Amino acid sequence: MVMTRKDFLRLALFGGASLAAACGGSSDGAMQGPSGNCSANGTVATIGGNHGHVLVVSKADVIAGAQKTYDIRGTADHTHQVMLTASDMATLQQNLAAQETSTVALSHSHSIAVSCA
């Protein structure tokens, strides 16, 4: 089986704690490497430990480049918010992926990776 860079990064972030720990992370929350084209195709969000939450970051939000807070309730029985900073948006404008952590609700939070479709 051939694993793409995007698959590897998703596995490292959400698939195995030991692999993620071995890979380390960047200090600004951005993952390195191209991940599609956010301005043309929009984004894809991966929510670690997900149980019904949804995050939609539109092409317009990426192009605008302004900090924005999103509600990720989806079909879950509770909500979290996640803030994508202007720096995160600039990262997405460069077709790189950004990583943030949601607010805490019911004693937990979620790691969130936003990449370009």
PDB file of N, CA and C in Angstrom:
ATOM      1  N   MET A   1       0.839  -1.174   0.000  1.00  0.00           N
ATOM      2  CA  MET A   1       0.000   0.000   0.000  1.00  0.00           C
ATOM      3  C   MET A   1       0.885   1.238   0.000  1.00  0.00           C
ATOM      4  N   VAL A   2       0.586   2.200  -0.851  1.00  0.00           N
ATOM      5  CA  VAL A   2       1.324   3.452  -0.911  1.00  0.00           C
ATOM      6  C   VAL A   2       0.579   4.491  -0.090  1.00  0.00           C
ATOM      7  N   MET A   3       1.300   5.148   0.816  1.00  0.00           N
ATOM      8  CA  MET A   3       0.698   6.166   1.668  1.00  0.00           C
ATOM      9  C   MET A   3       1.133   7.539   1.157  1.00  0.00           C
ATOM     10  N   THR A   4       0.163   8.414   0.922  1.00  0.00           N
ATOM     11  CA  THR A   4       0.481   9.767   0.497  1.00  0.00           C
ATOM     12  C   THR A   4       0.946  10.583   1.695  1.00  0.00           C
ATOM     13  N   ARG A   5       1.565  11.719   1.419  1.00  0.00           N
ATOM     14  CA  ARG A   5       2.009  12.613   2.490  1.00  0.00           C
ATOM     15  C   ARG A   5       0.821  13.051   3.348  1.00  0.00           C
ATOM     16  N   LYS A   6      -0.310  13.343   2.693  1.00  0.00           N
ATOM     17  CA  LYS A   6      -1.507  13.779   3.401  1.00  0.00           C
ATOM     18  C   LYS A   6      -2.001  12.667   4.331  1.00  0.00           C
ATOM     19  N   ASP A   7      -2.018  11.413   3.842  1.00  0.00           N
ATOM     20  CA  ASP A   7      -2.422  10.279   4.676  1.00  0.00           C
ATOM     21  C   ASP A   7      -1.485  10.131   5.869  1.00  0.00           C
ATOM     22  N   PHE A   8      -0.175  10.262   5.617  1.00  0.00           N
ATOM     23  CA  PHE A   8       0.804  10.144   6.692  1.00  0.00           C
ATOM     24  C   PHE A   8       0.574  11.201   7.763  1.00  0.00           C
ATOM     25  N   LEU A   9       0.346  12.453   7.348  1.00  0.00           N
ATOM     26  CA  LEU A   9       0.137  13.532   8.307  1.00  0.00           C
ATOM     27  C   LEU A   9      -1.137  13.297   9.119  1.00  0.00           C
ATOM     28  N   ARG A  10      -2.195  12.834   8.462  1.00  0.00           N
ATOM     29  CA  ARG A  10      -3.430  12.542   9.197  1.00  0.00           C
ATOM     30  C   ARG A  10      -3.206  11.427  10.202  1.00  0.00           C
ATOM     31  N   LEU A  11      -2.470  10.385   9.797  1.00  0.00           N
ATOM     32  CA  LEU A  11      -2.165   9.286  10.706  1.00  0.00           C
ATOM     33  C   LEU A  11      -1.327   9.792  11.872  1.00  0.00           C
ATOM     34  N   ALA A  12      -0.336  10.625  11.579  1.00  0.00           N
ATOM     35  CA  ALA A  12       0.539  11.147  12.625  1.00  0.00           C
ATOM     36  C   ALA A  12      -0.241  12.008  13.611  1.00  0.00           C
ATOM     37  N   LEU A  13      -1.199  12.797  13.111  1.00  0.00           N
ATOM     38  CA  LEU A  13      -1.960  13.687  13.980  1.00  0.00           C
ATOM     39  C   LEU A  13      -3.039  12.967  14.770  1.00  0.00           C
ATOM     40  N   PHE A  14      -3.724  12.016  14.133  1.00  0.00           N
ATOM     41  CA  PHE A  14      -4.917  11.463  14.760  1.00  0.00           C
ATOM     42  C   PHE A  14      -4.926   9.949  14.881  1.00  0.00           C
ATOM     43  N   GLY A  15      -4.004   9.259  14.216  1.00  0.00           N
ATOM     44  CA  GLY A  15      -4.080   7.815  14.178  1.00  0.00           C
ATOM     45  C   GLY A  15      -3.248   7.099  15.208  1.00  0.00           C
ATOM     46  N   GLY A  16      -2.220   7.721  15.709  1.00  0.00           N
ATOM     47  CA  GLY A  16      -1.381   7.021  16.671  1.00  0.00           C
ATOM     48  C   GLY A  16      -0.551   7.988  17.475  1.00  0.00           C
ATOM     49  N   ALA A  17      -0.723   7.964  18.774  1.00  0.00           N
ATOM     50  CA  ALA A  17      -0.026   8.913  19.642  1.00  0.00           C
ATOM     51  C   ALA A  17       1.480   8.732  19.568  1.00  0.00           C
ATOM     52  N   SER A  18       1.955   7.491  19.483  1.00  0.00           N
ATOM     53  CA  SER A  18       3.403   7.288  19.452  1.00  0.00           C
ATOM     54  C   SER A  18       4.006   7.810  18.168  1.00  0.00           C
ATOM     55  N   LEU A  19       3.296   7.640  17.042  1.00  0.00           N
ATOM     56  CA  LEU A  19       3.794   8.169  15.782  1.00  0.00           C
ATOM     57  C   LEU A  19       3.792   9.688  15.814  1.00  0.00           C
ATOM     58  N   ALA A  20       2.736  10.286  16.348  1.00  0.00           N
ATOM     59  CA  ALA A  20       2.671  11.739  16.430  1.00  0.00           C
ATOM     60  C   ALA A  20       3.779  12.278  17.323  1.00  0.00           C
ATOM     61  N   ALA A  21       4.042  11.605  18.427  1.00  0.00           N
ATOM     62  CA  ALA A  21       5.097  12.060  19.330  1.00  0.00           C
ATOM     63  C   ALA A  21       6.457  11.949  18.666  1.00  0.00           C
ATOM     64  N   ALA A  22       6.658  10.887  17.890  1.00  0.00           N
ATOM     65  CA  ALA A  22       7.945  10.700  17.228  1.00  0.00           C
ATOM     66  C   ALA A  22       8.176  11.746  16.156  1.00  0.00           C
ATOM     67  N   CYS A  23       7.105  12.214  15.532  1.00  0.00           N
ATOM     68  CA  CYS A  23       7.252  13.177  14.444  1.00  0.00           C
ATOM     69  C   CYS A  23       7.433  14.599  14.945  1.00  0.00           C
ATOM     70  N   GLY A  24       6.996  14.883  16.145  1.00  0.00           N
ATOM     71  CA  GLY A  24       7.096  16.245  16.662  1.00  0.00           C
ATOM     72  C   GLY A  24       6.059  17.136  16.011  1.00  0.00           C
ATOM     73  N   GLY A  25       6.227  18.439  16.149  1.00  0.00           N
ATOM     74  CA  GLY A  25       5.284  19.372  15.567  1.00  0.00           C
ATOM     75  C   GLY A  25       5.933  20.716  15.380  1.00  0.00           C
ATOM     76  N   SER A  26       5.258  21.586  14.658  1.00  0.00           N
ATOM     77  CA  SER A  26       5.797  22.919  14.443  1.00  0.00           C
ATOM     78  C   SER A  26       5.331  23.841  15.549  1.00  0.00           C
ATOM     79  N   SER A  27       6.081  24.889  15.803  1.00  0.00           N
ATOM     80  CA  SER A  27       5.751  25.788  16.900  1.00  0.00           C
ATOM     81  C   SER A  27       4.575  26.685  16.571  1.00  0.00           C
ATOM     82  N   ASP A  28       4.286  26.916  15.276  1.00  0.00           N
ATOM     83  CA  ASP A  28       3.194  27.818  14.936  1.00  0.00           C
ATOM     84  C   ASP A  28       1.894  27.088  14.633  1.00  0.00           C
ATOM     85  N   GLY A  29       1.862  25.756  14.798  1.00  0.00           N
ATOM     86  CA  GLY A  29       0.632  25.016  14.587  1.00  0.00           C
ATOM     87  C   GLY A  29       0.412  24.599  13.149  1.00  0.00           C
ATOM     88  N   ALA A  30       1.260  25.017  12.213  1.00  0.00           N
ATOM     89  CA  ALA A  30       1.075  24.674  10.812  1.00  0.00           C
ATOM     90  C   ALA A  30       1.826  23.399  10.470  1.00  0.00           C
ATOM     91  N   MET A  31       1.187  22.542   9.691  1.00  0.00           N
ATOM     92  CA  MET A  31       1.865  21.368   9.175  1.00  0.00           C
ATOM     93  C   MET A  31       2.533  21.785   7.867  1.00  0.00           C
ATOM     94  N   GLN A  32       3.642  21.163   7.552  1.00  0.00           N
ATOM     95  CA  GLN A  32       4.376  21.542   6.364  1.00  0.00           C
ATOM     96  C   GLN A  32       3.985  20.669   5.182  1.00  0.00           C
ATOM     97  N   GLY A  33       4.155  21.189   3.977  1.00  0.00           N
ATOM     98  CA  GLY A  33       3.895  20.450   2.762  1.00  0.00           C
ATOM     99  C   GLY A  33       2.598  20.883   2.107  1.00  0.00           C
ATOM    100  N   PRO A  34       2.554  20.853   0.787  1.00  0.00           N
ATOM    101  CA  PRO A  34       1.338  21.256   0.081  1.00  0.00           C
ATOM    102  C   PRO A  34       0.195  20.300   0.372  1.00  0.00           C
ATOM    103  N   SER A  35      -0.995  20.842   0.382  1.00  0.00           N
ATOM    104  CA  SER A  35      -2.157  20.005   0.685  1.00  0.00           C
ATOM    105  C   SER A  35      -3.370  20.423  -0.136  1.00  0.00           C
ATOM    106  N   GLY A  36      -3.222  20.598  -1.445  1.00  0.00           N
ATOM    107  CA  GLY A  36      -4.338  20.990  -2.298  1.00  0.00           C
ATOM    108  C   GLY A  36      -4.305  22.470  -2.605  1.00  0.00           C
ATOM    109  N   ASN A  37      -5.482  23.037  -2.889  1.00  0.00           N
ATOM    110  CA  ASN A  37      -5.586  24.454  -3.214  1.00  0.00           C
ATOM    111  C   ASN A  37      -6.816  25.028  -2.517  1.00  0.00           C
ATOM    112  N   CYS A  38      -6.603  25.676  -1.384  1.00  0.00           N
ATOM    113  CA  CYS A  38      -7.708  26.198  -0.565  1.00  0.00           C
ATOM    114  C   CYS A  38      -8.521  27.263  -1.289  1.00  0.00           C
ATOM    115  N   SER A  39      -7.851  28.163  -2.012  1.00  0.00           N
ATOM    116  CA  SER A  39      -8.565  29.254  -2.668  1.00  0.00           C
ATOM    117  C   SER A  39      -9.436  28.754  -3.810  1.00  0.00           C
ATOM    118  N   ALA A  40      -9.022  27.672  -4.464  1.00  0.00           N
ATOM    119  CA  ALA A  40      -9.787  27.135  -5.589  1.00  0.00           C
ATOM    120  C   ALA A  40     -10.776  26.059  -5.168  1.00  0.00           C
ATOM    121  N   ASN A  41     -10.383  25.214  -4.212  1.00  0.00           N
ATOM    122  CA  ASN A  41     -11.173  24.028  -3.894  1.00  0.00           C
ATOM    123  C   ASN A  41     -11.771  24.005  -2.502  1.00  0.00           C
ATOM    124  N   GLY A  42     -11.458  24.961  -1.670  1.00  0.00           N
ATOM    125  CA  GLY A  42     -11.950  24.953  -0.305  1.00  0.00           C
ATOM    126  C   GLY A  42     -11.093  24.087   0.600  1.00  0.00           C
ATOM    127  N   THR A  43     -11.627  23.727   1.750  1.00  0.00           N
ATOM    128  CA  THR A  43     -10.854  23.012   2.764  1.00  0.00           C
ATOM    129  C   THR A  43     -11.517  21.709   3.180  1.00  0.00           C
ATOM    130  N   VAL A  44     -10.728  20.903   3.871  1.00  0.00           N
ATOM    131  CA  VAL A  44     -11.190  19.665   4.491  1.00  0.00           C
ATOM    132  C   VAL A  44     -10.715  19.719   5.938  1.00  0.00           C
ATOM    133  N   ALA A  45     -11.606  19.461   6.876  1.00  0.00           N
ATOM    134  CA  ALA A  45     -11.232  19.470   8.291  1.00  0.00           C
ATOM    135  C   ALA A  45     -11.250  18.045   8.832  1.00  0.00           C
ATOM    136  N   THR A  46     -10.217  17.712   9.602  1.00  0.00           N
ATOM    137  CA  THR A  46     -10.142  16.437  10.287  1.00  0.00           C
ATOM    138  C   THR A  46     -10.178  16.724  11.785  1.00  0.00           C
ATOM    139  N   ILE A  47     -11.134  16.138  12.471  1.00  0.00           N
ATOM    140  CA  ILE A  47     -11.340  16.390  13.896  1.00  0.00           C
ATOM    141  C   ILE A  47     -10.982  15.123  14.663  1.00  0.00           C
ATOM    142  N   GLY A  48      -9.938  15.206  15.474  1.00  0.00           N
ATOM    143  CA  GLY A  48      -9.491  14.064  16.257  1.00  0.00           C
ATOM    144  C   GLY A  48     -10.508  13.685  17.322  1.00  0.00           C
ATOM    145  N   GLY A  49     -10.712  12.388  17.520  1.00  0.00           N
ATOM    146  CA  GLY A  49     -11.655  11.922  18.530  1.00  0.00           C
ATOM    147  C   GLY A  49     -13.074  12.379  18.257  1.00  0.00           C
ATOM    148  N   ASN A  50     -13.405  12.500  16.991  1.00  0.00           N
ATOM    149  CA  ASN A  50     -14.691  13.083  16.617  1.00  0.00           C
ATOM    150  C   ASN A  50     -15.867  12.176  16.966  1.00  0.00           C
ATOM    151  N   HIS A  51     -16.954  12.822  17.368  1.00  0.00           N
ATOM    152  CA  HIS A  51     -18.207  12.123  17.649  1.00  0.00           C
ATOM    153  C   HIS A  51     -19.372  12.991  17.179  1.00  0.00           C
ATOM    154  N   GLY A  52     -19.273  13.421  15.927  1.00  0.00           N
ATOM    155  CA  GLY A  52     -20.369  14.171  15.316  1.00  0.00           C
ATOM    156  C   GLY A  52     -20.095  15.634  15.034  1.00  0.00           C
ATOM    157  N   HIS A  53     -18.949  16.149  15.436  1.00  0.00           N
ATOM    158  CA  HIS A  53     -18.641  17.554  15.191  1.00  0.00           C
ATOM    159  C   HIS A  53     -18.303  17.786  13.725  1.00  0.00           C
ATOM    160  N   VAL A  54     -18.556  19.009  13.255  1.00  0.00           N
ATOM    161  CA  VAL A  54     -18.299  19.376  11.866  1.00  0.00           C
ATOM    162  C   VAL A  54     -17.681  20.773  11.830  1.00  0.00           C
ATOM    163  N   LEU A  55     -16.643  20.926  11.011  1.00  0.00           N
ATOM    164  CA  LEU A  55     -16.042  22.240  10.779  1.00  0.00           C
ATOM    165  C   LEU A  55     -16.014  22.493   9.283  1.00  0.00           C
ATOM    166  N   VAL A  56     -16.596  23.628   8.882  1.00  0.00           N
ATOM    167  CA  VAL A  56     -16.576  24.045   7.482  1.00  0.00           C
ATOM    168  C   VAL A  56     -15.877  25.394   7.416  1.00  0.00           C
ATOM    169  N   VAL A  57     -14.739  25.428   6.726  1.00  0.00           N
ATOM    170  CA  VAL A  57     -14.010  26.675   6.483  1.00  0.00           C
ATOM    171  C   VAL A  57     -14.137  26.947   4.993  1.00  0.00           C
ATOM    172  N   SER A  58     -14.878  27.979   4.646  1.00  0.00           N
ATOM    173  CA  SER A  58     -15.164  28.256   3.237  1.00  0.00           C
ATOM    174  C   SER A  58     -13.967  28.868   2.508  1.00  0.00           C
ATOM    175  N   LYS A  59     -14.020  28.773   1.175  1.00  0.00           N
ATOM    176  CA  LYS A  59     -13.007  29.427   0.337  1.00  0.00           C
ATOM    177  C   LYS A  59     -12.997  30.925   0.633  1.00  0.00           C
ATOM    178  N   ALA A  60     -14.176  31.503   0.795  1.00  0.00           N
ATOM    179  CA  ALA A  60     -14.280  32.943   1.059  1.00  0.00           C
ATOM    180  C   ALA A  60     -13.581  33.314   2.359  1.00  0.00           C
ATOM    181  N   ASP A  61     -13.717  32.486   3.398  1.00  0.00           N
ATOM    182  CA  ASP A  61     -13.041  32.754   4.668  1.00  0.00           C
ATOM    183  C   ASP A  61     -11.525  32.713   4.491  1.00  0.00           C
ATOM    184  N   VAL A  62     -11.045  31.719   3.745  1.00  0.00           N
ATOM    185  CA  VAL A  62      -9.601  31.599   3.505  1.00  0.00           C
ATOM    186  C   VAL A  62      -9.100  32.818   2.743  1.00  0.00           C
ATOM    187  N   ILE A  63      -9.794  33.184   1.683  1.00  0.00           N
ATOM    188  CA  ILE A  63      -9.378  34.330   0.865  1.00  0.00           C
ATOM    189  C   ILE A  63      -9.390  35.615   1.680  1.00  0.00           C
ATOM    190  N   ALA A  64     -10.419  35.796   2.536  1.00  0.00           N
ATOM    191  CA  ALA A  64     -10.510  37.007   3.370  1.00  0.00           C
ATOM    192  C   ALA A  64      -9.321  37.099   4.322  1.00  0.00           C
ATOM    193  N   GLY A  65      -8.875  35.963   4.837  1.00  0.00           N
ATOM    194  CA  GLY A  65      -7.674  35.922   5.671  1.00  0.00           C
ATOM    195  C   GLY A  65      -7.820  36.445   7.085  1.00  0.00           C
ATOM    196  N   ALA A  66      -9.028  36.709   7.522  1.00  0.00           N
ATOM    197  CA  ALA A  66      -9.243  37.273   8.860  1.00  0.00           C
ATOM    198  C   ALA A  66      -9.447  36.161   9.888  1.00  0.00           C
ATOM    199  N   GLN A  67      -9.061  36.440  11.119  1.00  0.00           N
ATOM    200  CA  GLN A  67      -9.315  35.518  12.223  1.00  0.00           C
ATOM    201  C   GLN A  67     -10.812  35.258  12.325  1.00  0.00           C
ATOM    202  N   LYS A  68     -11.177  34.010  12.588  1.00  0.00           N
ATOM    203  CA  LYS A  68     -12.601  33.674  12.697  1.00  0.00           C
ATOM    204  C   LYS A  68     -12.766  32.517  13.675  1.00  0.00           C
ATOM    205  N   THR A  69     -13.837  32.584  14.478  1.00  0.00           N
ATOM    206  CA  THR A  69     -14.178  31.506  15.401  1.00  0.00           C
ATOM    207  C   THR A  69     -15.363  30.746  14.830  1.00  0.00           C
ATOM    208  N   TYR A  70     -15.230  29.418  14.815  1.00  0.00           N
ATOM    209  CA  TYR A  70     -16.252  28.534  14.260  1.00  0.00           C
ATOM    210  C   TYR A  70     -16.857  27.686  15.365  1.00  0.00           C
ATOM    211  N   ASP A  71     -18.168  27.445  15.280  1.00  0.00           N
ATOM    212  CA  ASP A  71     -18.863  26.509  16.145  1.00  0.00           C
ATOM    213  C   ASP A  71     -18.853  25.171  15.426  1.00  0.00           C
ATOM    214  N   ILE A  72     -18.426  24.104  16.098  1.00  0.00           N
ATOM    215  CA  ILE A  72     -18.294  22.808  15.430  1.00  0.00           C
ATOM    216  C   ILE A  72     -19.302  21.775  15.955  1.00  0.00           C
ATOM    217  N   ARG A  73     -20.443  22.216  16.443  1.00  0.00           N
ATOM    218  CA  ARG A  73     -21.415  21.299  17.052  1.00  0.00           C
ATOM    219  C   ARG A  73     -21.755  20.105  16.151  1.00  0.00           C
ATOM    220  N   GLY A  74     -22.137  20.332  14.904  1.00  0.00           N
ATOM    221  CA  GLY A  74     -22.551  19.233  14.033  1.00  0.00           C
ATOM    222  C   GLY A  74     -23.709  18.471  14.646  1.00  0.00           C
ATOM    223  N   THR A  75     -23.604  17.132  14.711  1.00  0.00           N
ATOM    224  CA  THR A  75     -24.666  16.310  15.284  1.00  0.00           C
ATOM    225  C   THR A  75     -24.370  15.897  16.727  1.00  0.00           C
ATOM    226  N   ALA A  76     -23.290  16.407  17.295  1.00  0.00           N
ATOM    227  CA  ALA A  76     -22.946  16.092  18.685  1.00  0.00           C
ATOM    228  C   ALA A  76     -23.970  16.726  19.624  1.00  0.00           C
ATOM    229  N   ASP A  77     -24.061  16.204  20.857  1.00  0.00           N
ATOM    230  CA  ASP A  77     -25.011  16.743  21.829  1.00  0.00           C
ATOM    231  C   ASP A  77     -24.440  17.913  22.626  1.00  0.00           C
ATOM    232  N   HIS A  78     -23.302  18.425  22.198  1.00  0.00           N
ATOM    233  CA  HIS A  78     -22.659  19.571  22.841  1.00  0.00           C
ATOM    234  C   HIS A  78     -21.839  20.290  21.771  1.00  0.00           C
ATOM    235  N   THR A  79     -21.335  21.438  22.116  1.00  0.00           N
ATOM    236  CA  THR A  79     -20.596  22.208  21.119  1.00  0.00           C
ATOM    237  C   THR A  79     -19.192  22.552  21.604  1.00  0.00           C
ATOM    238  N   HIS A  80     -18.349  22.855  20.672  1.00  0.00           N
ATOM    239  CA  HIS A  80     -17.019  23.403  20.900  1.00  0.00           C
ATOM    240  C   HIS A  80     -16.843  24.537  19.900  1.00  0.00           C
ATOM    241  N   GLN A  81     -15.927  25.422  20.194  1.00  0.00           N
ATOM    242  CA  GLN A  81     -15.522  26.429  19.235  1.00  0.00           C
ATOM    243  C   GLN A  81     -14.054  26.198  18.900  1.00  0.00           C
ATOM    244  N   VAL A  82     -13.681  26.614  17.711  1.00  0.00           N
ATOM    245  CA  VAL A  82     -12.276  26.605  17.314  1.00  0.00           C
ATOM    246  C   VAL A  82     -12.000  27.921  16.610  1.00  0.00           C
ATOM    247  N   MET A  83     -10.895  28.562  16.997  1.00  0.00           N
ATOM    248  CA  MET A  83     -10.502  29.813  16.379  1.00  0.00           C
ATOM    249  C   MET A  83      -9.377  29.556  15.386  1.00  0.00           C
ATOM    250  N   LEU A  84      -9.597  29.975  14.144  1.00  0.00           N
ATOM    251  CA  LEU A  84      -8.518  29.996  13.164  1.00  0.00           C
ATOM    252  C   LEU A  84      -8.021  31.428  13.111  1.00  0.00           C
ATOM    253  N   THR A  85      -6.762  31.615  13.403  1.00  0.00           N
ATOM    254  CA  THR A  85      -6.167  32.944  13.453  1.00  0.00           C
ATOM    255  C   THR A  85      -5.884  33.457  12.041  1.00  0.00           C
ATOM    256  N   ALA A  86      -5.562  34.733  11.947  1.00  0.00           N
ATOM    257  CA  ALA A  86      -5.155  35.300  10.660  1.00  0.00           C
ATOM    258  C   ALA A  86      -3.921  34.565  10.139  1.00  0.00           C
ATOM    259  N   SER A  87      -3.054  34.143  11.037  1.00  0.00           N
ATOM    260  CA  SER A  87      -1.873  33.367  10.654  1.00  0.00           C
ATOM    261  C   SER A  87      -2.272  32.007  10.070  1.00  0.00           C
ATOM    262  N   ASP A  88      -3.271  31.353  10.683  1.00  0.00           N
ATOM    263  CA  ASP A  88      -3.782  30.094  10.137  1.00  0.00           C
ATOM    264  C   ASP A  88      -4.330  30.312   8.727  1.00  0.00           C
ATOM    265  N   MET A  89      -5.079  31.394   8.537  1.00  0.00           N
ATOM    266  CA  MET A  89      -5.657  31.685   7.220  1.00  0.00           C
ATOM    267  C   MET A  89      -4.552  31.948   6.193  1.00  0.00           C
ATOM    268  N   ALA A  90      -3.497  32.654   6.610  1.00  0.00           N
ATOM    269  CA  ALA A  90      -2.369  32.897   5.706  1.00  0.00           C
ATOM    270  C   ALA A  90      -1.692  31.576   5.334  1.00  0.00           C
ATOM    271  N   THR A  91      -1.613  30.671   6.300  1.00  0.00           N
ATOM    272  CA  THR A  91      -1.051  29.341   6.041  1.00  0.00           C
ATOM    273  C   THR A  91      -1.901  28.604   5.014  1.00  0.00           C
ATOM    274  N   LEU A  92      -3.216  28.653   5.180  1.00  0.00           N
ATOM    275  CA  LEU A  92      -4.120  28.014   4.225  1.00  0.00           C
ATOM    276  C   LEU A  92      -4.028  28.675   2.849  1.00  0.00           C
ATOM    277  N   GLN A  93      -3.840  29.988   2.808  1.00  0.00           N
ATOM    278  CA  GLN A  93      -3.674  30.687   1.530  1.00  0.00           C
ATOM    279  C   GLN A  93      -2.428  30.205   0.791  1.00  0.00           C
ATOM    280  N   GLN A  94      -1.452  29.704   1.530  1.00  0.00           N
ATOM    281  CA  GLN A  94      -0.227  29.155   0.938  1.00  0.00           C
ATOM    282  C   GLN A  94      -0.374  27.659   0.648  1.00  0.00           C
ATOM    283  N   ASN A  95      -1.598  27.153   0.778  1.00  0.00           N
ATOM    284  CA  ASN A  95      -1.925  25.739   0.538  1.00  0.00           C
ATOM    285  C   ASN A  95      -1.202  24.793   1.478  1.00  0.00           C
ATOM    286  N   LEU A  96      -0.969  25.259   2.690  1.00  0.00           N
ATOM    287  CA  LEU A  96      -0.437  24.429   3.763  1.00  0.00           C
ATOM    288  C   LEU A  96      -1.559  24.198   4.755  1.00  0.00           C
ATOM    289  N   ALA A  97      -1.442  23.177   5.557  1.00  0.00           N
ATOM    290  CA  ALA A  97      -2.481  22.845   6.532  1.00  0.00           C
ATOM    291  C   ALA A  97      -2.214  23.537   7.866  1.00  0.00           C
ATOM    292  N   ALA A  98      -3.285  23.828   8.579  1.00  0.00           N
ATOM    293  CA  ALA A  98      -3.191  24.471   9.892  1.00  0.00           C
ATOM    294  C   ALA A  98      -3.792  23.547  10.943  1.00  0.00           C
ATOM    295  N   GLN A  99      -3.264  23.632  12.155  1.00  0.00           N
ATOM    296  CA  GLN A  99      -3.764  22.795  13.248  1.00  0.00           C
ATOM    297  C   GLN A  99      -4.080  23.678  14.446  1.00  0.00           C
ATOM    298  N   GLU A 100      -5.232  23.439  15.046  1.00  0.00           N
ATOM    299  CA  GLU A 100      -5.658  24.139  16.250  1.00  0.00           C
ATOM    300  C   GLU A 100      -6.337  23.139  17.177  1.00  0.00           C
ATOM    301  N   THR A 101      -6.676  23.595  18.375  1.00  0.00           N
ATOM    302  CA  THR A 101      -7.402  22.776  19.342  1.00  0.00           C
ATOM    303  C   THR A 101      -8.690  23.503  19.702  1.00  0.00           C
ATOM    304  N   SER A 102      -9.780  22.752  19.795  1.00  0.00           N
ATOM    305  CA  SER A 102     -11.073  23.346  20.138  1.00  0.00           C
ATOM    306  C   SER A 102     -11.103  23.761  21.608  1.00  0.00           C
ATOM    307  N   THR A 103     -12.147  24.488  21.954  1.00  0.00           N
ATOM    308  CA  THR A 103     -12.402  24.790  23.356  1.00  0.00           C
ATOM    309  C   THR A 103     -12.788  23.492  24.077  1.00  0.00           C
ATOM    310  N   VAL A 104     -12.751  23.534  25.392  1.00  0.00           N
ATOM    311  CA  VAL A 104     -13.101  22.371  26.210  1.00  0.00           C
ATOM    312  C   VAL A 104     -14.596  22.405  26.520  1.00  0.00           C
ATOM    313  N   ALA A 105     -15.246  21.254  26.336  1.00  0.00           N
ATOM    314  CA  ALA A 105     -16.641  21.064  26.736  1.00  0.00           C
ATOM    315  C   ALA A 105     -16.773  19.627  27.224  1.00  0.00           C
ATOM    316  N   LEU A 106     -17.544  19.411  28.247  1.00  0.00           N
ATOM    317  CA  LEU A 106     -17.719  18.076  28.839  1.00  0.00           C
ATOM    318  C   LEU A 106     -16.371  17.407  29.091  1.00  0.00           C
ATOM    319  N   SER A 107     -15.446  18.174  29.609  1.00  0.00           N
ATOM    320  CA  SER A 107     -14.111  17.703  30.020  1.00  0.00           C
ATOM    321  C   SER A 107     -13.232  17.196  28.878  1.00  0.00           C
ATOM    322  N   HIS A 108     -13.465  17.652  27.653  1.00  0.00           N
ATOM    323  CA  HIS A 108     -12.581  17.252  26.553  1.00  0.00           C
ATOM    324  C   HIS A 108     -12.513  18.348  25.490  1.00  0.00           C
ATOM    325  N   SER A 109     -11.486  18.257  24.669  1.00  0.00           N
ATOM    326  CA  SER A 109     -11.328  19.128  23.502  1.00  0.00           C
ATOM    327  C   SER A 109     -10.955  18.236  22.322  1.00  0.00           C
ATOM    328  N   HIS A 110     -10.806  18.845  21.160  1.00  0.00           N
ATOM    329  CA  HIS A 110     -10.474  18.097  19.946  1.00  0.00           C
ATOM    330  C   HIS A 110      -9.324  18.770  19.209  1.00  0.00           C
ATOM    331  N   SER A 111      -8.389  17.967  18.725  1.00  0.00           N
ATOM    332  CA  SER A 111      -7.358  18.448  17.811  1.00  0.00           C
ATOM    333  C   SER A 111      -8.012  18.567  16.436  1.00  0.00           C
ATOM    334  N   ILE A 112      -7.750  19.677  15.769  1.00  0.00           N
ATOM    335  CA  ILE A 112      -8.383  19.918  14.484  1.00  0.00           C
ATOM    336  C   ILE A 112      -7.318  20.299  13.463  1.00  0.00           C
ATOM    337  N   ALA A 113      -7.307  19.584  12.350  1.00  0.00           N
ATOM    338  CA  ALA A 113      -6.410  19.903  11.240  1.00  0.00           C
ATOM    339  C   ALA A 113      -7.277  20.352  10.069  1.00  0.00           C
ATOM    340  N   VAL A 114      -6.921  21.503   9.503  1.00  0.00           N
ATOM    341  CA  VAL A 114      -7.620  22.013   8.334  1.00  0.00           C
ATOM    342  C   VAL A 114      -6.616  22.008   7.199  1.00  0.00           C
ATOM    343  N   SER A 115      -6.972  21.310   6.112  1.00  0.00           N
ATOM    344  CA  SER A 115      -6.099  21.234   4.947  1.00  0.00           C
ATOM    345  C   SER A 115      -6.885  21.649   3.722  1.00  0.00           C
ATOM    346  N   CYS A 116      -6.188  21.835   2.635  1.00  0.00           N
ATOM    347  CA  CYS A 116      -6.812  22.268   1.393  1.00  0.00           C
ATOM    348  C   CYS A 116      -7.302  21.073   0.591  1.00  0.00           C
ATOM    349  N   ALA A 117      -8.471  21.222   0.007  1.00  0.00           N
ATOM    350  CA  ALA A 117      -9.053  20.148  -0.818  1.00  0.00           C
ATOM    351  C   ALA A 117      -8.404  20.161  -2.196  1.00  0.00           C
TER     352      ALA A 117
END
